[in-house]
PDB file of N, CA and C in Angstrom:
ATOM      1  N   MET A   1      16.624  -9.654   3.773  1.00  0.00           N
ATOM      2  CA  MET A   1      15.142  -8.804   3.957  1.00  0.00           C
ATOM      3  C   MET A   1      14.155  -9.255   5.068  1.00  0.00           C
ATOM      4  N   SER A   2      13.858  -8.217   5.854  1.00  0.00           N
ATOM      5  CA  SER A   2      13.071  -8.499   6.961  1.00  0.00           C
ATOM      6  C   SER A   2      11.596  -8.630   6.360  1.00  0.00           C
ATOM      7  N   ASN A   3      10.776  -9.283   7.335  1.00  0.00           N
ATOM      8  CA  ASN A   3       9.288  -9.447   6.980  1.00  0.00           C
ATOM      9  C   ASN A   3       8.641  -8.104   6.663  1.00  0.00           C
ATOM     10  N   ASP A   4       8.932  -7.033   7.156  1.00  0.00           N
ATOM     11  CA  ASP A   4       8.219  -5.824   6.922  1.00  0.00           C
ATOM     12  C   ASP A   4       8.702  -5.131   5.582  1.00  0.00           C
ATOM     13  N   ASP A   5      10.012  -5.392   5.366  1.00  0.00           N
ATOM     14  CA  ASP A   5      10.470  -5.061   4.008  1.00  0.00           C
ATOM     15  C   ASP A   5      10.053  -5.699   2.747  1.00  0.00           C
ATOM     16  N   PHE A   6       9.794  -6.975   3.153  1.00  0.00           N
ATOM     17  CA  PHE A   6       9.046  -7.888   1.983  1.00  0.00           C
ATOM     18  C   PHE A   6       7.700  -7.434   1.907  1.00  0.00           C
ATOM     19  N   ARG A   7       7.081  -7.055   2.824  1.00  0.00           N
ATOM     20  CA  ARG A   7       5.514  -6.638   2.805  1.00  0.00           C
ATOM     21  C   ARG A   7       5.465  -5.511   2.205  1.00  0.00           C
ATOM     22  N   ILE A   8       6.260  -4.424   2.552  1.00  0.00           N
ATOM     23  CA  ILE A   8       6.271  -3.094   2.027  1.00  0.00           C
ATOM     24  C   ILE A   8       6.655  -3.346   0.353  1.00  0.00           C
ATOM     25  N   SER A   9       7.664  -4.214  -0.117  1.00  0.00           N
ATOM     26  CA  SER A   9       7.837  -4.367  -1.512  1.00  0.00           C
ATOM     27  C   SER A   9       6.782  -5.184  -2.240  1.00  0.00           C
ATOM     28  N   ARG A  10       6.033  -5.770  -1.561  1.00  0.00           N
ATOM     29  CA  ARG A  10       4.946  -6.671  -2.329  1.00  0.00           C
ATOM     30  C   ARG A  10       3.890  -5.451  -2.456  1.00  0.00           C
ATOM     31  N   VAL A  11       3.457  -5.070  -1.416  1.00  0.00           N
ATOM     32  CA  VAL A  11       2.540  -3.623  -1.564  1.00  0.00           C
ATOM     33  C   VAL A  11       2.713  -2.680  -2.624  1.00  0.00           C
ATOM     34  N   GLU A  12       4.060  -2.182  -2.512  1.00  0.00           N
ATOM     35  CA  GLU A  12       4.378  -1.074  -3.601  1.00  0.00           C
ATOM     36  C   GLU A  12       4.099  -1.927  -5.095  1.00  0.00           C
ATOM     37  N   LYS A  13       4.548  -3.201  -5.187  1.00  0.00           N
ATOM     38  CA  LYS A  13       4.309  -3.808  -6.433  1.00  0.00           C
ATOM     39  C   LYS A  13       2.937  -3.823  -6.890  1.00  0.00           C
ATOM     40  N   THR A  14       2.067  -4.452  -5.781  1.00  0.00           N
ATOM     41  CA  THR A  14       0.607  -4.596  -6.085  1.00  0.00           C
ATOM     42  C   THR A  14       0.086  -2.997  -6.446  1.00  0.00           C
ATOM     43  N   LEU A  15       0.473  -1.967  -5.664  1.00  0.00           N
ATOM     44  CA  LEU A  15      -0.120  -0.525  -5.941  1.00  0.00           C
ATOM     45  C   LEU A  15       0.451  -0.245  -7.543  1.00  0.00           C
ATOM     46  N   ARG A  16       1.307  -0.347  -7.765  1.00  0.00           N
ATOM     47  CA  ARG A  16       2.126  -0.062  -8.979  1.00  0.00           C
ATOM     48  C   ARG A  16       1.165  -0.893 -10.232  1.00  0.00           C
ATOM     49  N   TRP A  17       0.834  -2.029 -10.047  1.00  0.00           N
ATOM     50  CA  TRP A  17       0.243  -2.851 -10.904  1.00  0.00           C
ATOM     51  C   TRP A  17      -1.184  -2.365 -11.009  1.00  0.00           C
ATOM     52  N   PHE A  18      -1.825  -1.993  -9.911  1.00  0.00           N
ATOM     53  CA  PHE A  18      -3.095  -1.361  -9.825  1.00  0.00           C
ATOM     54  C   PHE A  18      -3.236  -0.181 -10.367  1.00  0.00           C
ATOM     55  N   GLU A  19      -2.459   0.767 -10.405  1.00  0.00           N
ATOM     56  CA  GLU A  19      -2.065   2.209 -10.999  1.00  0.00           C
ATOM     57  C   GLU A  19      -2.057   1.823 -12.646  1.00  0.00           C
ATOM     58  N   GLN A  20      -1.066   1.049 -12.800  1.00  0.00           N
ATOM     59  CA  GLN A  20      -0.985   0.893 -14.225  1.00  0.00           C
ATOM     60  C   GLN A  20      -2.018   0.046 -14.948  1.00  0.00           C
ATOM     61  N   ASP A  21      -2.904  -0.438 -14.270  1.00  0.00           N
ATOM     62  CA  ASP A  21      -4.054  -1.269 -15.091  1.00  0.00           C
ATOM     63  C   ASP A  21      -5.296  -0.526 -15.252  1.00  0.00           C
ATOM     64  N   ILE A  22      -5.219   0.878 -14.958  1.00  0.00           N
ATOM     65  CA  ILE A  22      -6.312   1.986 -15.058  1.00  0.00           C
ATOM     66  C   ILE A  22      -6.796   1.953 -16.493  1.00  0.00           C
ATOM     67  N   PRO A  23      -5.604   2.182 -17.172  1.00  0.00           N
ATOM     68  CA  PRO A  23      -6.208   2.377 -18.790  1.00  0.00           C
ATOM     69  C   PRO A  23      -6.717   1.160 -19.320  1.00  0.00           C
ATOM     70  N   LEU A  24      -6.321  -0.215 -18.979  1.00  0.00           N
ATOM     71  CA  LEU A  24      -6.602  -1.329 -19.364  1.00  0.00           C
ATOM     72  C   LEU A  24      -8.204  -1.653 -18.779  1.00  0.00           C
ATOM     73  N   LEU A  25      -8.445  -1.209 -17.511  1.00  0.00           N
ATOM     74  CA  LEU A  25      -9.994  -1.060 -16.915  1.00  0.00           C
ATOM     75  C   LEU A  25     -10.858  -0.175 -17.770  1.00  0.00           C
ATOM     76  N   ASN A  26     -10.304   1.195 -18.159  1.00  0.00           N
ATOM     77  CA  ASN A  26     -11.168   1.722 -19.093  1.00  0.00           C
ATOM     78  C   ASN A  26     -11.608   1.019 -20.257  1.00  0.00           C
ATOM     79  N   MET A  27     -10.590   0.469 -20.905  1.00  0.00           N
ATOM     80  CA  MET A  27     -10.819  -0.316 -21.996  1.00  0.00           C
ATOM     81  C   MET A  27     -12.075  -1.688 -21.932  1.00  0.00           C
ATOM     82  N   ARG A  28     -11.604  -2.221 -20.673  1.00  0.00           N
ATOM     83  CA  ARG A  28     -12.508  -3.641 -20.310  1.00  0.00           C
ATOM     84  C   ARG A  28     -14.091  -2.974 -20.027  1.00  0.00           C
ATOM     85  N   VAL A  29     -14.496  -1.925 -19.620  1.00  0.00           N
ATOM     86  CA  VAL A  29     -15.628  -1.539 -19.103  1.00  0.00           C
ATOM     87  C   VAL A  29     -16.337  -0.784 -20.144  1.00  0.00           C
ATOM     88  N   ARG A  30     -15.628  -0.228 -21.169  1.00  0.00           N
ATOM     89  CA  ARG A  30     -16.160   0.738 -22.222  1.00  0.00           C
ATOM     90  C   ARG A  30     -17.714   0.141 -22.947  1.00  0.00           C
ATOM     91  N   ASP A  31     -17.674  -1.101 -22.740  1.00  0.00           N
ATOM     92  CA  ASP A  31     -18.861  -1.468 -23.506  1.00  0.00           C
ATOM     93  C   ASP A  31     -20.083  -1.707 -22.524  1.00  0.00           C
ATOM     94  N   LEU A  32     -19.915  -1.368 -21.213  1.00  0.00           N
ATOM     95  CA  LEU A  32     -20.835  -1.626 -20.187  1.00  0.00           C
ATOM     96  C   LEU A  32     -21.539  -0.214 -20.068  1.00  0.00           C
ATOM     97  N   SER A  33     -22.808  -0.405 -19.355  1.00  0.00           N
ATOM     98  CA  SER A  33     -23.430   0.791 -19.267  1.00  0.00           C
ATOM     99  C   SER A  33     -22.608   1.942 -18.423  1.00  0.00           C
ATOM    100  N   GLN A  34     -23.082   3.236 -18.343  1.00  0.00           N
ATOM    101  CA  GLN A  34     -22.506   4.408 -17.828  1.00  0.00           C
ATOM    102  C   GLN A  34     -22.515   3.942 -16.062  1.00  0.00           C
ATOM    103  N   GLU A  35     -23.514   3.611 -15.910  1.00  0.00           N
ATOM    104  CA  GLU A  35     -23.698   3.179 -14.169  1.00  0.00           C
ATOM    105  C   GLU A  35     -22.502   2.073 -13.903  1.00  0.00           C
ATOM    106  N   ARG A  36     -22.487   0.986 -14.707  1.00  0.00           N
ATOM    107  CA  ARG A  36     -21.521  -0.023 -14.458  1.00  0.00           C
ATOM    108  C   ARG A  36     -20.138   0.255 -14.594  1.00  0.00           C
ATOM    109  N   GLN A  37     -19.759   1.218 -15.496  1.00  0.00           N
ATOM    110  CA  GLN A  37     -18.511   1.787 -15.694  1.00  0.00           C
ATOM    111  C   GLN A  37     -18.007   2.639 -14.559  1.00  0.00           C
ATOM    112  N   GLU A  38     -19.157   3.506 -13.889  1.00  0.00           N
ATOM    113  CA  GLU A  38     -18.603   4.234 -12.824  1.00  0.00           C
ATOM    114  C   GLU A  38     -18.348   3.576 -11.552  1.00  0.00           C
ATOM    115  N   SER A  39     -19.182   2.280 -11.576  1.00  0.00           N
ATOM    116  CA  SER A  39     -19.141   1.371 -10.236  1.00  0.00           C
ATOM    117  C   SER A  39     -17.731   0.715 -10.416  1.00  0.00           C
ATOM    118  N   ALA A  40     -17.336   0.344 -11.563  1.00  0.00           N
ATOM    119  CA  ALA A  40     -16.018  -0.282 -11.643  1.00  0.00           C
ATOM    120  C   ALA A  40     -14.976   0.521 -11.420  1.00  0.00           C
ATOM    121  N   ARG A  41     -15.004   1.749 -12.000  1.00  0.00           N
ATOM    122  CA  ARG A  41     -14.028   2.868 -11.571  1.00  0.00           C
ATOM    123  C   ARG A  41     -13.793   3.188 -10.299  1.00  0.00           C
ATOM    124  N   LYS A  42     -15.115   3.363  -9.512  1.00  0.00           N
ATOM    125  CA  LYS A  42     -15.007   3.669  -8.042  1.00  0.00           C
ATOM    126  C   LYS A  42     -14.497   2.437  -7.063  1.00  0.00           C
ATOM    127  N   PHE A  43     -14.740   1.045  -7.748  1.00  0.00           N
ATOM    128  CA  PHE A  43     -14.299   0.155  -7.058  1.00  0.00           C
ATOM    129  C   PHE A  43     -12.536   0.037  -7.029  1.00  0.00           C
ATOM    130  N   ALA A  44     -12.297   0.264  -8.250  1.00  0.00           N
ATOM    131  CA  ALA A  44     -10.848   0.327  -8.530  1.00  0.00           C
ATOM    132  C   ALA A  44      -9.980   1.572  -7.642  1.00  0.00           C
ATOM    133  N   ALA A  45     -10.829   2.744  -7.702  1.00  0.00           N
ATOM    134  CA  ALA A  45     -10.212   3.867  -6.750  1.00  0.00           C
ATOM    135  C   ALA A  45     -10.070   3.325  -5.383  1.00  0.00           C
ATOM    136  N   ALA A  46     -11.166   2.554  -4.907  1.00  0.00           N
ATOM    137  CA  ALA A  46     -11.340   2.233  -3.408  1.00  0.00           C
ATOM    138  C   ALA A  46     -10.238   1.295  -3.197  1.00  0.00           C
ATOM    139  N   VAL A  47      -9.790   0.518  -4.411  1.00  0.00           N
ATOM    140  CA  VAL A  47      -9.002  -0.426  -3.660  1.00  0.00           C
ATOM    141  C   VAL A  47      -7.597   0.016  -4.001  1.00  0.00           C
ATOM    142  N   ILE A  48      -7.378   1.001  -4.754  1.00  0.00           N
ATOM    143  CA  ILE A  48      -5.944   1.858  -4.908  1.00  0.00           C
ATOM    144  C   ILE A  48      -5.913   2.495  -3.561  1.00  0.00           C
ATOM    145  N   ALA A  49      -6.835   3.314  -3.193  1.00  0.00           N
ATOM    146  CA  ALA A  49      -6.771   4.033  -1.767  1.00  0.00           C
ATOM    147  C   ALA A  49      -6.507   3.151  -0.696  1.00  0.00           C
ATOM    148  N   GLN A  50      -7.150   1.973  -0.469  1.00  0.00           N
ATOM    149  CA  GLN A  50      -6.851   1.063   0.489  1.00  0.00           C
ATOM    150  C   GLN A  50      -5.394   0.624   0.442  1.00  0.00           C
ATOM    151  N   THR A  51      -4.912   0.180  -0.769  1.00  0.00           N
ATOM    152  CA  THR A  51      -3.588  -0.271  -0.844  1.00  0.00           C
ATOM    153  C   THR A  51      -2.592   0.761  -0.411  1.00  0.00           C
ATOM    154  N   ARG A  52      -2.947   1.957  -1.000  1.00  0.00           N
ATOM    155  CA  ARG A  52      -1.994   3.230  -0.552  1.00  0.00           C
ATOM    156  C   ARG A  52      -1.981   3.424   0.880  1.00  0.00           C
ATOM    157  N   ALA A  53      -3.015   3.359   1.603  1.00  0.00           N
ATOM    158  CA  ALA A  53      -3.258   3.379   3.004  1.00  0.00           C
ATOM    159  C   ALA A  53      -2.362   2.236   3.707  1.00  0.00           C
ATOM    160  N   GLU A  54      -2.421   1.146   3.225  1.00  0.00           N
ATOM    161  CA  GLU A  54      -1.632  -0.054   3.804  1.00  0.00           C
ATOM    162  C   GLU A  54      -0.393   0.086   3.690  1.00  0.00           C
ATOM    163  N   LEU A  55       0.205   0.801   2.376  1.00  0.00           N
ATOM    164  CA  LEU A  55       1.697   1.190   2.424  1.00  0.00           C
ATOM    165  C   LEU A  55       2.160   2.273   3.137  1.00  0.00           C
ATOM    166  N   GLU A  56       1.154   3.066   3.590  1.00  0.00           N
ATOM    167  CA  GLU A  56       1.594   4.086   4.240  1.00  0.00           C
ATOM    168  C   GLU A  56       1.557   3.829   5.709  1.00  0.00           C
ATOM    169  N   ARG A  57       0.809   2.950   6.070  1.00  0.00           N
ATOM    170  CA  ARG A  57       0.959   2.235   7.381  1.00  0.00           C
ATOM    171  C   ARG A  57       1.985   1.509   7.772  1.00  0.00           C
ATOM    172  N   LEU A  58       2.500   0.674   6.766  1.00  0.00           N
ATOM    173  CA  LEU A  58       3.602  -0.257   6.965  1.00  0.00           C
ATOM    174  C   LEU A  58       5.063   0.874   6.839  1.00  0.00           C
ATOM    175  N   MET A  59       5.089   1.858   6.239  1.00  0.00           N
ATOM    176  CA  MET A  59       5.952   2.601   6.176  1.00  0.00           C
ATOM    177  C   MET A  59       6.185   3.470   7.660  1.00  0.00           C
ATOM    178  N   ARG A  60       5.152   4.022   8.100  1.00  0.00           N
ATOM    179  CA  ARG A  60       5.104   4.486   9.306  1.00  0.00           C
ATOM    180  C   ARG A  60       5.596   3.338  10.418  1.00  0.00           C
ATOM    181  N   LYS A  61       5.093   1.771  10.314  1.00  0.00           N
ATOM    182  CA  LYS A  61       5.369   1.220  11.228  1.00  0.00           C
ATOM    183  C   LYS A  61       6.908   1.137  11.218  1.00  0.00           C
ATOM    184  N   ARG A  62       7.650   0.864  10.100  1.00  0.00           N
ATOM    185  CA  ARG A  62       9.079   0.676   9.872  1.00  0.00           C
ATOM    186  C   ARG A  62       9.835   1.906  10.349  1.00  0.00           C
ATOM    187  N   MET A  63       9.466   3.035  10.113  1.00  0.00           N
ATOM    188  CA  MET A  63       9.937   4.354  10.766  1.00  0.00           C
ATOM    189  C   MET A  63      10.212   4.454  12.167  1.00  0.00           C
ATOM    190  N   VAL A  64       9.044   3.716  13.021  1.00  0.00           N
ATOM    191  CA  VAL A  64       8.965   3.831  14.370  1.00  0.00           C
ATOM    192  C   VAL A  64       9.970   2.736  14.750  1.00  0.00           C
ATOM    193  N   GLU A  65       9.669   1.715  14.216  1.00  0.00           N
ATOM    194  CA  GLU A  65      10.744   0.566  14.597  1.00  0.00           C
ATOM    195  C   GLU A  65      12.135   0.763  14.474  1.00  0.00           C
ATOM    196  N   THR A  66      12.313   1.688  13.614  1.00  0.00           N
ATOM    197  CA  THR A  66      13.923   1.745  13.186  1.00  0.00           C
ATOM    198  C   THR A  66      14.440   2.878  14.193  1.00  0.00           C
ATOM    199  N   SER A  67      13.444   3.931  14.498  1.00  0.00           N
ATOM    200  CA  SER A  67      13.831   4.905  15.333  1.00  0.00           C
ATOM    201  C   SER A  67      13.927   4.756  16.714  1.00  0.00           C
ATOM    202  N   GLU A  68      13.321   3.458  17.321  1.00  0.00           N
ATOM    203  CA  GLU A  68      13.348   3.151  18.394  1.00  0.00           C
ATOM    204  C   GLU A  68      14.897   2.511  18.819  1.00  0.00           C
ATOM    205  N   PRO A  69      15.464   2.732  20.006  1.00  0.00           N
ATOM    206  CA  PRO A  69      16.715   2.196  20.325  1.00  0.00           C
ATOM    207  C   PRO A  69      16.448   0.610  20.371  1.00  0.00           C
ATOM    208  N   ALA A  70      17.410  -0.348  19.899  1.00  0.00           N
ATOM    209  CA  ALA A  70      17.216  -1.594  20.348  1.00  0.00           C
ATOM    210  C   ALA A  70      17.189  -2.170  21.504  1.00  0.00           C
ATOM    211  N   GLU A  71      17.923  -1.248  22.354  1.00  0.00           N
ATOM    212  CA  GLU A  71      18.031  -1.782  23.825  1.00  0.00           C
ATOM    213  C   GLU A  71      18.053  -0.431  24.588  1.00  0.00           C
ATOM    214  N   LEU A  72      17.392  -0.293  25.682  1.00  0.00           N
ATOM    215  CA  LEU A  72      17.357   0.725  26.437  1.00  0.00           C
ATOM    216  C   LEU A  72      18.758   0.594  27.181  1.00  0.00           C
ATOM    217  N   PRO A  73      19.185   2.075  27.438  1.00  0.00           N
ATOM    218  CA  PRO A  73      20.740   2.182  28.062  1.00  0.00           C
ATOM    219  C   PRO A  73      20.397   1.908  29.457  1.00  0.00           C
ATOM    220  N   CYS A  74      21.306   1.305  29.929  1.00  0.00           N
ATOM    221  CA  CYS A  74      21.185   1.166  31.722  1.00  0.00           C
ATOM    222  C   CYS A  74      22.117   1.736  32.432  1.00  0.00           C
ATOM    223  N   GLU A  75      21.886   2.037  33.564  1.00  0.00           N
ATOM    224  CA  GLU A  75      22.571   3.244  34.609  1.00  0.00           C
ATOM    225  C   GLU A  75      23.859   2.302  34.734  1.00  0.00           C
ATOM    226  N   PRO A  76      24.941   2.994  35.021  1.00  0.00           N
ATOM    227  CA  PRO A  76      26.294   2.430  35.358  1.00  0.00           C
ATOM    228  C   PRO A  76      26.017   1.796  36.577  1.00  0.00           C
ATOM    229  N   ALA A  77      26.928   0.861  36.737  1.00  0.00           N
ATOM    230  CA  ALA A  77      26.978   0.109  37.979  1.00  0.00           C
ATOM    231  C   ALA A  77      27.902   0.849  38.929  1.00  0.00           C
ATOM    232  N   ASP A  78      27.336   0.749  40.309  1.00  0.00           N
ATOM    233  CA  ASP A  78      28.415   1.659  41.397  1.00  0.00           C
ATOM    234  C   ASP A  78      29.533   0.661  41.607  1.00  0.00           C
TER     235      ASP A  78
END
């Protein structure tokens, strides 16, 4: 597994973990004031958005690297 594939795998796992934690976050913050609940939810949403952006960046990088030829073709010798 290449370093990029490993990083993509880790970011995907982290993203799933964050997304699955939302219901638990709601339970953890329910005793807080409305303002603090909103603040916690906004922070979680920002972290999820940042993680998605990182995953998209890594996926684009991998696509570019795999679509480029490994070696440029050379001219035939005379």
